[in-house]
Amino acid sequence: MKKYKPVSVPSAAFVFCRVGLAVLVWLSFIFHSETLLVVVFVIFVLSAVLKIKRAPMIWLYSQTINKIFKSKDEILDEHAMSFAHLIGSMMSGLCLVILFFFGQDVGWTAVFILALLKSISACGFCPASKLYTCATNDSCCAFAKNHGK
């Protein structure tokens, strides 16, 4: 079990990352653009590998808009964010595999589901981060508390 590892990022950059990726997934779905979905996949993979502080969308916002319009910092769990980005990369990668090997109808349905999940994350409730926190924290997950002993 990894311990909580706090990391500070500009709050507005974190919002930009969440909303920006949701918009990219929706645009991919609306325009049936595999290219945009590949961009989403690459952003998720880089975010998982580079960690939240150096994630592409966080870095882009921090090096541009945040230089002019400073936002307060937000403390995040680096491990939970890496896990969330890993789940996002796996889901977007799975959507690409489905699109290329199992047909457009099934593939775009999978992208639609990814867009819905990413929209929930964009609103501030990240299911993957919550899952990570629950799985690594004895006080959160009732099933783990009762059956993990």
Protein backbone atom coordinates (compact mmCIF):
# COMPACT_ATOMS: atom_id res chain seq x y z
CA MET A 1 0.00 0.00 0.00
CA LYS A 2 1.42 3.38 -1.00
CA LYS A 3 1.20 6.22 1.42
CA TYR A 4 -0.49 9.50 0.61
CA LYS A 5 1.93 11.71 -1.32
CA PRO A 6 0.74 15.32 -1.39
CA VAL A 7 1.58 17.44 -4.40
CA SER A 8 0.62 21.04 -5.03
CA VAL A 9 -0.71 22.18 -8.42
CA PRO A 10 -2.51 25.36 -9.43
CA SER A 11 -6.22 24.82 -8.89
CA ALA A 12 -7.14 26.36 -12.24
CA ALA A 13 -4.61 24.11 -14.01
CA PHE A 14 -6.25 21.06 -12.45
CA VAL A 15 -9.67 22.25 -13.65
CA PHE A 16 -8.20 22.94 -17.10
CA CYS A 17 -6.85 19.38 -17.20
CA ARG A 18 -10.12 17.76 -16.13
CA VAL A 19 -12.37 19.86 -18.37
CA GLY A 20 -9.95 19.94 -21.30
CA LEU A 21 -9.69 16.17 -21.45
CA ALA A 22 -13.47 15.82 -21.16
CA VAL A 23 -13.92 18.25 -24.05
CA LEU A 24 -11.38 16.34 -26.16
CA VAL A 25 -13.16 13.03 -25.52
CA TRP A 26 -16.54 14.57 -26.38
CA LEU A 27 -15.12 16.13 -29.57
CA SER A 28 -13.65 12.78 -30.52
CA PHE A 29 -17.06 11.19 -30.04
CA ILE A 30 -19.05 13.92 -31.81
CA PHE A 31 -16.76 14.06 -34.85
CA HIS A 32 -15.85 10.34 -34.76
CA SER A 33 -12.20 11.35 -34.70
CA GLU A 34 -9.79 8.55 -33.91
CA THR A 35 -7.00 11.13 -34.03
CA LEU A 36 -8.46 13.09 -31.13
CA LEU A 37 -8.91 9.88 -29.20
CA VAL A 38 -5.22 9.06 -29.78
CA VAL A 39 -4.35 12.55 -28.45
CA VAL A 40 -6.44 11.83 -25.32
CA PHE A 41 -4.68 8.47 -24.92
CA VAL A 42 -1.22 10.08 -25.22
CA ILE A 43 -2.12 12.82 -22.72
CA PHE A 44 -3.36 10.21 -20.23
CA VAL A 45 -0.24 8.06 -20.67
CA LEU A 46 2.12 11.02 -20.30
CA SER A 47 0.19 12.22 -17.26
CA ALA A 48 0.49 8.80 -15.62
CA VAL A 49 4.20 8.52 -16.38
CA LEU A 50 5.24 12.11 -15.63
CA LYS A 51 2.99 12.44 -12.54
CA ILE A 52 0.46 15.21 -11.93
CA LYS A 53 2.95 18.06 -11.39
CA ARG A 54 4.42 17.59 -14.90
CA ALA A 55 1.29 16.26 -16.64
CA PRO A 56 0.93 17.86 -20.09
CA MET A 57 -2.31 19.76 -19.42
CA ILE A 58 -1.13 20.95 -15.96
CA TRP A 59 2.24 21.99 -17.36
CA LEU A 60 0.66 23.80 -20.34
CA TYR A 61 -1.67 25.82 -18.13
CA SER A 62 1.03 26.52 -15.53
CA GLN A 63 3.47 27.80 -18.16
CA THR A 64 0.93 30.02 -19.93
CA ILE A 65 -2.31 31.25 -18.37
CA ASN A 66 -1.22 30.74 -14.75
CA LYS A 67 1.75 33.07 -15.34
CA ILE A 68 -0.73 35.89 -16.01
CA PHE A 69 -3.71 34.90 -13.87
CA LYS A 70 -2.36 33.17 -10.78
CA SER A 71 -4.64 30.67 -9.12
CA LYS A 72 -4.46 29.19 -5.65
CA ASP A 73 -2.74 25.87 -5.30
CA GLU A 74 -4.61 22.65 -4.66
CA ILE A 75 -3.13 19.71 -2.78
CA LEU A 76 -3.65 16.35 -4.52
CA ASP A 77 -2.52 12.80 -3.85
CA GLU A 78 0.13 12.08 -6.47
CA HIS A 79 -0.45 8.32 -6.30
CA ALA A 80 -4.23 8.66 -6.70
CA MET A 81 -3.79 10.98 -9.67
CA SER A 82 -1.29 8.63 -11.32
CA PHE A 83 -3.73 5.77 -10.83
CA ALA A 84 -6.57 7.85 -12.29
CA HIS A 85 -4.46 8.76 -15.33
CA LEU A 86 -3.46 5.13 -15.73
CA ILE A 87 -7.13 4.10 -15.69
CA GLY A 88 -7.90 6.88 -18.20
CA SER A 89 -5.12 5.69 -20.50
CA MET A 90 -6.33 2.09 -20.24
CA MET A 91 -9.92 3.11 -20.99
CA SER A 92 -9.02 5.34 -23.92
CA GLY A 93 -6.63 2.66 -25.21
CA LEU A 94 -9.40 0.07 -24.91
CA CYS A 95 -11.71 2.38 -26.88
CA LEU A 96 -9.09 2.59 -29.63
CA VAL A 97 -8.67 -1.20 -29.71
CA ILE A 98 -12.44 -1.66 -29.90
CA LEU A 99 -12.70 0.93 -32.69
CA PHE A 100 -9.98 -0.66 -34.78
CA PHE A 101 -10.75 -4.34 -34.19
CA PHE A 102 -14.40 -4.71 -33.18
CA GLY A 103 -16.27 -2.18 -35.26
CA GLN A 104 -17.22 1.44 -35.31
CA ASP A 105 -20.63 1.11 -33.63
CA VAL A 106 -19.29 -0.70 -30.57
CA GLY A 107 -16.19 1.51 -30.52
CA TRP A 108 -18.06 4.80 -30.54
CA THR A 109 -20.41 3.47 -27.87
CA ALA A 110 -17.33 2.80 -25.73
CA VAL A 111 -16.06 6.33 -26.44
CA PHE A 112 -19.46 7.70 -25.40
CA ILE A 113 -19.19 5.85 -22.08
CA LEU A 114 -15.65 7.21 -21.63
CA ALA A 115 -16.96 10.72 -22.35
CA LEU A 116 -19.65 10.31 -19.69
CA LEU A 117 -17.11 9.09 -17.12
CA LYS A 118 -14.68 11.87 -18.01
CA SER A 119 -17.50 14.40 -17.67
CA ILE A 120 -18.15 13.16 -14.13
CA SER A 121 -14.44 13.65 -13.44
CA ALA A 122 -14.53 17.12 -14.99
CA CYS A 123 -17.25 18.06 -12.51
CA GLY A 124 -14.86 17.32 -9.66
CA PHE A 125 -15.72 13.73 -8.71
CA CYS A 126 -13.04 11.45 -10.11
CA PRO A 127 -14.24 7.83 -9.81
CA ALA A 128 -10.75 6.41 -10.44
CA SER A 129 -9.17 8.59 -7.76
CA LYS A 130 -11.93 7.65 -5.31
CA LEU A 131 -11.42 3.97 -6.17
CA TYR A 132 -7.69 4.31 -5.45
CA THR A 133 -8.34 6.08 -2.15
CA CYS A 134 -10.89 3.47 -1.16
CA ALA A 135 -8.62 0.56 -2.07
CA THR A 136 -5.64 1.97 -0.16
CA ASN A 137 -7.42 3.39 2.88
CA ASP A 138 -8.94 1.10 5.51
CA SER A 139 -11.44 3.73 6.65
CA CYS A 140 -13.18 4.23 3.30
CA CYS A 141 -14.22 0.97 1.75
CA ALA A 142 -16.70 -1.00 3.88
CA PHE A 143 -16.03 -4.24 2.00
CA ALA A 144 -12.25 -3.93 2.52
CA LYS A 145 -12.71 -3.10 6.20
CA ASN A 146 -14.94 -6.10 6.85
CA HIS A 147 -13.20 -8.68 4.66
CA GLY A 148 -9.61 -7.48 4.56
CA LYS A 149 -8.73 -8.53 8.09
